[in-house]
Amino acid sequence: MRRTWIERRSPAGGRAGRRGVGLLGGLLLGLTFSLALTGCGTPQYQFEKSQNQEKVALAITPYPQTSLTPIHYTLQVSRDGQPVQQAVEVEFKMPKMDMGSHVVQAQPQGKKGLYTLEQTLSMPGDWQILVRTGGEEFAFDTVATAGQASAKAMDGMKE
């Protein structure tokens, strides 16, 4: 592979250093950018539950979720196969720990039956996401891994 060298000079005319710019580096940067844009379309629903002719699908972005990082949740709610527009309440709690819970209202989007919200999970571990749609409640069990800030804090505790 042929490598091109760019020589930089300081304003005084001296050499400031060399930086290699390879074709492979440019291709990798372009590929990374295009792959990042690929995830910006339709959400991929990781969870789906049905009961009494009502169905809720849950997409978590990014997935798997990490603690101390804003997570985007998308819900699709339907009844008898038709999208429904109603109040949707979402509760986040850790069933194995006595930490209380956090309840938020999911925001309806332009399409009927589509709701979104953003939440930051406070710590890694087992989480339960309860979705309430009118008279129904759907429980989704998930796991959050340690986010970057959590991992740094845990490393500091080991020292």
C-alpha atoms as a PDB file:
ATOM      1  CA  MET A   1       0.000   0.000   0.000  1.00  0.00           C
ATOM      2  CA  ARG A   2       1.287   3.408  -0.871  1.00  0.00           C
ATOM      3  CA  ARG A   3       1.373   5.966   1.904  1.00  0.00           C
ATOM      4  CA  THR A   4       1.374   9.725   1.330  1.00  0.00           C
ATOM      5  CA  TRP A   5       3.242  11.949   3.757  1.00  0.00           C
ATOM      6  CA  ILE A   6       2.189  15.482   4.520  1.00  0.00           C
ATOM      7  CA  GLU A   7       4.894  17.698   5.845  1.00  0.00           C
ATOM      8  CA  ARG A   8       3.819  20.530   8.102  1.00  0.00           C
ATOM      9  CA  ARG A   9       5.935  23.598   8.616  1.00  0.00           C
ATOM     10  CA  SER A  10       5.734  26.089  11.410  1.00  0.00           C
ATOM     11  CA  PRO A  11       5.039  29.752  10.549  1.00  0.00           C
ATOM     12  CA  ALA A  12       8.764  30.431  11.017  1.00  0.00           C
ATOM     13  CA  GLY A  13       9.543  27.991   8.212  1.00  0.00           C
ATOM     14  CA  GLY A  14      10.842  25.074  10.295  1.00  0.00           C
ATOM     15  CA  ARG A  15       9.490  21.542  10.241  1.00  0.00           C
ATOM     16  CA  ALA A  16       6.588  20.920  12.605  1.00  0.00           C
ATOM     17  CA  GLY A  17       6.399  17.159  12.029  1.00  0.00           C
ATOM     18  CA  ARG A  18       4.988  14.581   9.631  1.00  0.00           C
ATOM     19  CA  ARG A  19       1.584  13.014   9.528  1.00  0.00           C
ATOM     20  CA  GLY A  20       0.792   9.932   7.444  1.00  0.00           C
ATOM     21  CA  VAL A  21      -2.504   9.920   5.579  1.00  0.00           C
ATOM     22  CA  GLY A  22      -3.317   6.507   4.217  1.00  0.00           C
ATOM     23  CA  LEU A  23      -6.070   5.391   1.925  1.00  0.00           C
ATOM     24  CA  LEU A  24      -7.050   2.738   4.459  1.00  0.00           C
ATOM     25  CA  GLY A  25      -7.538   5.348   7.211  1.00  0.00           C
ATOM     26  CA  GLY A  26      -9.856   7.394   5.005  1.00  0.00           C
ATOM     27  CA  LEU A  27     -11.877   4.333   4.063  1.00  0.00           C
ATOM     28  CA  LEU A  28     -12.246   3.254   7.692  1.00  0.00           C
ATOM     29  CA  LEU A  29     -13.425   6.716   8.697  1.00  0.00           C
ATOM     30  CA  GLY A  30     -16.019   6.752   5.892  1.00  0.00           C
ATOM     31  CA  LEU A  31     -17.227   3.244   6.758  1.00  0.00           C
ATOM     32  CA  THR A  32     -17.556   4.105  10.453  1.00  0.00           C
ATOM     33  CA  PHE A  33     -19.581   7.224   9.626  1.00  0.00           C
ATOM     34  CA  SER A  34     -21.921   5.380   7.253  1.00  0.00           C
ATOM     35  CA  LEU A  35     -22.493   2.572   9.791  1.00  0.00           C
ATOM     36  CA  ALA A  36     -23.358   5.155  12.446  1.00  0.00           C
ATOM     37  CA  LEU A  37     -25.974   6.677  10.146  1.00  0.00           C
ATOM     38  CA  THR A  38     -27.473   3.255   9.431  1.00  0.00           C
ATOM     39  CA  GLY A  39     -28.754   3.044  13.013  1.00  0.00           C
ATOM     40  CA  CYS A  40     -30.688   6.325  12.689  1.00  0.00           C
ATOM     41  CA  GLY A  41     -33.735   4.830  10.927  1.00  0.00           C
ATOM     42  CA  THR A  42     -36.518   2.613  12.213  1.00  0.00           C
ATOM     43  CA  PRO A  43     -35.970   1.378  15.776  1.00  0.00           C
ATOM     44  CA  GLN A  44     -35.259  -2.304  16.276  1.00  0.00           C
ATOM     45  CA  TYR A  45     -37.693  -3.647  18.868  1.00  0.00           C
ATOM     46  CA  GLN A  46     -35.915  -5.999  21.303  1.00  0.00           C
ATOM     47  CA  PHE A  47     -38.982  -6.793  23.434  1.00  0.00           C
ATOM     48  CA  GLU A  48     -42.630  -7.484  22.684  1.00  0.00           C
ATOM     49  CA  LYS A  49     -45.529  -8.561  24.913  1.00  0.00           C
ATOM     50  CA  SER A  50     -49.238  -9.134  24.325  1.00  0.00           C
ATOM     51  CA  GLN A  51     -52.224  -9.532  26.643  1.00  0.00           C
ATOM     52  CA  ASN A  52     -55.993  -9.017  26.217  1.00  0.00           C
ATOM     53  CA  GLN A  53     -55.656  -8.040  22.513  1.00  0.00           C
ATOM     54  CA  GLU A  54     -53.189  -5.291  23.405  1.00  0.00           C
ATOM     55  CA  LYS A  55     -49.545  -5.408  22.319  1.00  0.00           C
ATOM     56  CA  VAL A  56     -46.525  -3.331  23.358  1.00  0.00           C
ATOM     57  CA  ALA A  57     -43.186  -3.455  21.548  1.00  0.00           C
ATOM     58  CA  LEU A  58     -40.151  -1.842  23.221  1.00  0.00           C
ATOM     59  CA  ALA A  59     -36.998  -0.615  21.478  1.00  0.00           C
ATOM     60  CA  ILE A  60     -33.956   0.434  23.535  1.00  0.00           C
ATOM     61  CA  THR A  61     -31.283   2.584  21.858  1.00  0.00           C
ATOM     62  CA  PRO A  62     -28.450   1.935  22.280  1.00  0.00           C
ATOM     63  CA  TYR A  63     -28.885  -1.713  23.156  1.00  0.00           C
ATOM     64  CA  PRO A  64     -27.602  -3.257  25.337  1.00  0.00           C
ATOM     65  CA  GLN A  65     -28.196  -0.346  27.680  1.00  0.00           C
ATOM     66  CA  THR A  66     -25.582   1.007  30.060  1.00  0.00           C
ATOM     67  CA  SER A  67     -25.979   2.866  33.317  1.00  0.00           C
ATOM     68  CA  LEU A  68     -25.269   6.594  33.661  1.00  0.00           C
ATOM     69  CA  THR A  69     -25.865   7.065  29.919  1.00  0.00           C
ATOM     70  CA  PRO A  70     -29.003   8.620  28.413  1.00  0.00           C
ATOM     71  CA  ILE A  71     -31.043   5.807  26.831  1.00  0.00           C
ATOM     72  CA  HIS A  72     -33.780   6.360  24.234  1.00  0.00           C
ATOM     73  CA  TYR A  73     -36.870   4.159  24.600  1.00  0.00           C
ATOM     74  CA  THR A  74     -39.446   3.770  21.815  1.00  0.00           C
ATOM     75  CA  LEU A  75     -42.799   2.084  22.459  1.00  0.00           C
ATOM     76  CA  GLN A  76     -45.294   0.899  19.879  1.00  0.00           C
ATOM     77  CA  VAL A  77     -48.774   0.241  21.309  1.00  0.00           C
ATOM     78  CA  SER A  78     -51.582  -1.511  19.425  1.00  0.00           C
ATOM     79  CA  ARG A  79     -54.927  -3.118  20.189  1.00  0.00           C
ATOM     80  CA  ASP A  80     -56.422  -5.766  17.883  1.00  0.00           C
ATOM     81  CA  GLY A  81     -53.610  -4.977  15.434  1.00  0.00           C
ATOM     82  CA  GLN A  82     -54.485  -1.257  15.230  1.00  0.00           C
ATOM     83  CA  PRO A  83     -52.284   1.518  16.681  1.00  0.00           C
ATOM     84  CA  VAL A  84     -53.810   3.245  19.693  1.00  0.00           C
ATOM     85  CA  GLN A  85     -53.362   6.747  21.062  1.00  0.00           C
ATOM     86  CA  GLN A  86     -53.645   6.861  24.853  1.00  0.00           C
ATOM     87  CA  ALA A  87     -51.646   7.897  27.908  1.00  0.00           C
ATOM     88  CA  VAL A  88     -48.628   5.641  28.443  1.00  0.00           C
ATOM     89  CA  GLU A  89     -46.802   5.578  31.770  1.00  0.00           C
ATOM     90  CA  VAL A  90     -43.398   3.922  32.161  1.00  0.00           C
ATOM     91  CA  GLU A  91     -41.879   2.919  35.496  1.00  0.00           C
ATOM     92  CA  PHE A  92     -38.217   1.973  35.974  1.00  0.00           C
ATOM     93  CA  LYS A  93     -37.217  -0.051  39.027  1.00  0.00           C
ATOM     94  CA  MET A  94     -34.638  -2.548  40.248  1.00  0.00           C
ATOM     95  CA  PRO A  95     -36.653  -5.521  41.578  1.00  0.00           C
ATOM     96  CA  LYS A  96     -33.717  -7.021  43.528  1.00  0.00           C
ATOM     97  CA  MET A  97     -32.972  -3.772  45.380  1.00  0.00           C
ATOM     98  CA  ASP A  98     -35.097  -1.571  47.588  1.00  0.00           C
ATOM     99  CA  MET A  99     -34.385   1.674  45.731  1.00  0.00           C
ATOM    100  CA  GLY A 100     -37.884   2.858  44.883  1.00  0.00           C
ATOM    101  CA  SER A 101     -38.796   3.568  41.273  1.00  0.00           C
ATOM    102  CA  HIS A 102     -38.955   6.351  38.731  1.00  0.00           C
ATOM    103  CA  VAL A 103     -42.176   6.956  36.766  1.00  0.00           C
ATOM    104  CA  VAL A 104     -42.339   8.999  33.534  1.00  0.00           C
ATOM    105  CA  GLN A 105     -44.974   9.713  30.903  1.00  0.00           C
ATOM    106  CA  ALA A 106     -43.975   8.529  27.420  1.00  0.00           C
ATOM    107  CA  GLN A 107     -44.450  11.245  24.814  1.00  0.00           C
ATOM    108  CA  PRO A 108     -46.723  10.439  21.847  1.00  0.00           C
ATOM    109  CA  GLN A 109     -45.113  10.898  18.439  1.00  0.00           C
ATOM    110  CA  GLY A 110     -46.683  11.860  15.109  1.00  0.00           C
ATOM    111  CA  LYS A 111     -47.633   8.284  14.275  1.00  0.00           C
ATOM    112  CA  LYS A 112     -50.494   6.882  16.305  1.00  0.00           C
ATOM    113  CA  GLY A 113     -49.399   4.258  18.770  1.00  0.00           C
ATOM    114  CA  LEU A 114     -45.747   5.426  18.823  1.00  0.00           C
ATOM    115  CA  TYR A 115     -44.260   6.866  22.037  1.00  0.00           C
ATOM    116  CA  THR A 116     -40.751   7.869  23.106  1.00  0.00           C
ATOM    117  CA  LEU A 117     -38.892   8.812  26.245  1.00  0.00           C
ATOM    118  CA  GLU A 118     -35.324   9.193  27.430  1.00  0.00           C
ATOM    119  CA  GLN A 119     -34.077   7.837  30.751  1.00  0.00           C
ATOM    120  CA  THR A 120     -30.717   7.446  32.454  1.00  0.00           C
ATOM    121  CA  LEU A 121     -30.423   4.343  34.637  1.00  0.00           C
ATOM    122  CA  SER A 122     -28.656   5.137  37.907  1.00  0.00           C
ATOM    123  CA  MET A 123     -26.585   1.951  38.218  1.00  0.00           C
ATOM    124  CA  PRO A 124     -25.756  -1.348  36.528  1.00  0.00           C
ATOM    125  CA  GLY A 125     -27.832  -4.413  37.286  1.00  0.00           C
ATOM    126  CA  ASP A 126     -31.229  -6.008  36.694  1.00  0.00           C
ATOM    127  CA  TRP A 127     -33.961  -3.516  35.807  1.00  0.00           C
ATOM    128  CA  GLN A 128     -37.671  -3.916  35.250  1.00  0.00           C
ATOM    129  CA  ILE A 129     -39.480  -1.571  32.885  1.00  0.00           C
ATOM    130  CA  LEU A 130     -43.225  -1.477  33.559  1.00  0.00           C
ATOM    131  CA  VAL A 131     -45.365  -0.024  30.759  1.00  0.00           C
ATOM    132  CA  ARG A 132     -48.923   0.955  31.685  1.00  0.00           C
ATOM    133  CA  THR A 133     -51.405   1.531  28.859  1.00  0.00           C
ATOM    134  CA  GLY A 134     -54.838   2.328  30.216  1.00  0.00           C
ATOM    135  CA  GLY A 135     -55.906  -0.812  32.092  1.00  0.00           C
ATOM    136  CA  GLU A 136     -52.959  -3.048  31.093  1.00  0.00           C
ATOM    137  CA  GLU A 137     -49.465  -3.364  32.560  1.00  0.00           C
ATOM    138  CA  PHE A 138     -46.556  -4.950  30.686  1.00  0.00           C
ATOM    139  CA  ALA A 139     -43.317  -5.911  32.512  1.00  0.00           C
ATOM    140  CA  PHE A 140     -40.022  -6.045  30.601  1.00  0.00           C
ATOM    141  CA  ASP A 141     -36.962  -7.415  32.435  1.00  0.00           C
ATOM    142  CA  THR A 142     -33.653  -5.942  31.237  1.00  0.00           C
ATOM    143  CA  VAL A 143     -30.044  -5.617  32.348  1.00  0.00           C
ATOM    144  CA  ALA A 144     -27.913  -2.483  32.333  1.00  0.00           C
ATOM    145  CA  THR A 145     -24.164  -2.888  32.157  1.00  0.00           C
ATOM    146  CA  ALA A 146     -21.761  -0.449  33.816  1.00  0.00           C
ATOM    147  CA  GLY A 147     -21.480   2.805  31.920  1.00  0.00           C
ATOM    148  CA  GLN A 148     -18.105   4.493  31.497  1.00  0.00           C
ATOM    149  CA  ALA A 149     -18.531   6.631  34.636  1.00  0.00           C
ATOM    150  CA  SER A 150     -19.623   3.569  36.657  1.00  0.00           C
ATOM    151  CA  ALA A 151     -16.687   1.519  35.428  1.00  0.00           C
ATOM    152  CA  LYS A 152     -14.230   4.290  36.413  1.00  0.00           C
ATOM    153  CA  ALA A 153     -15.804   4.573  39.882  1.00  0.00           C
ATOM    154  CA  MET A 154     -15.610   0.788  40.379  1.00  0.00           C
ATOM    155  CA  ASP A 155     -11.949   0.774  39.272  1.00  0.00           C
ATOM    156  CA  GLY A 156     -11.230   3.479  41.838  1.00  0.00           C
ATOM    157  CA  MET A 157     -12.805   1.377  44.590  1.00  0.00           C
ATOM    158  CA  LYS A 158     -10.507  -1.576  43.780  1.00  0.00           C
ATOM    159  CA  GLU A 159      -7.344   0.439  44.303  1.00  0.00           C
END
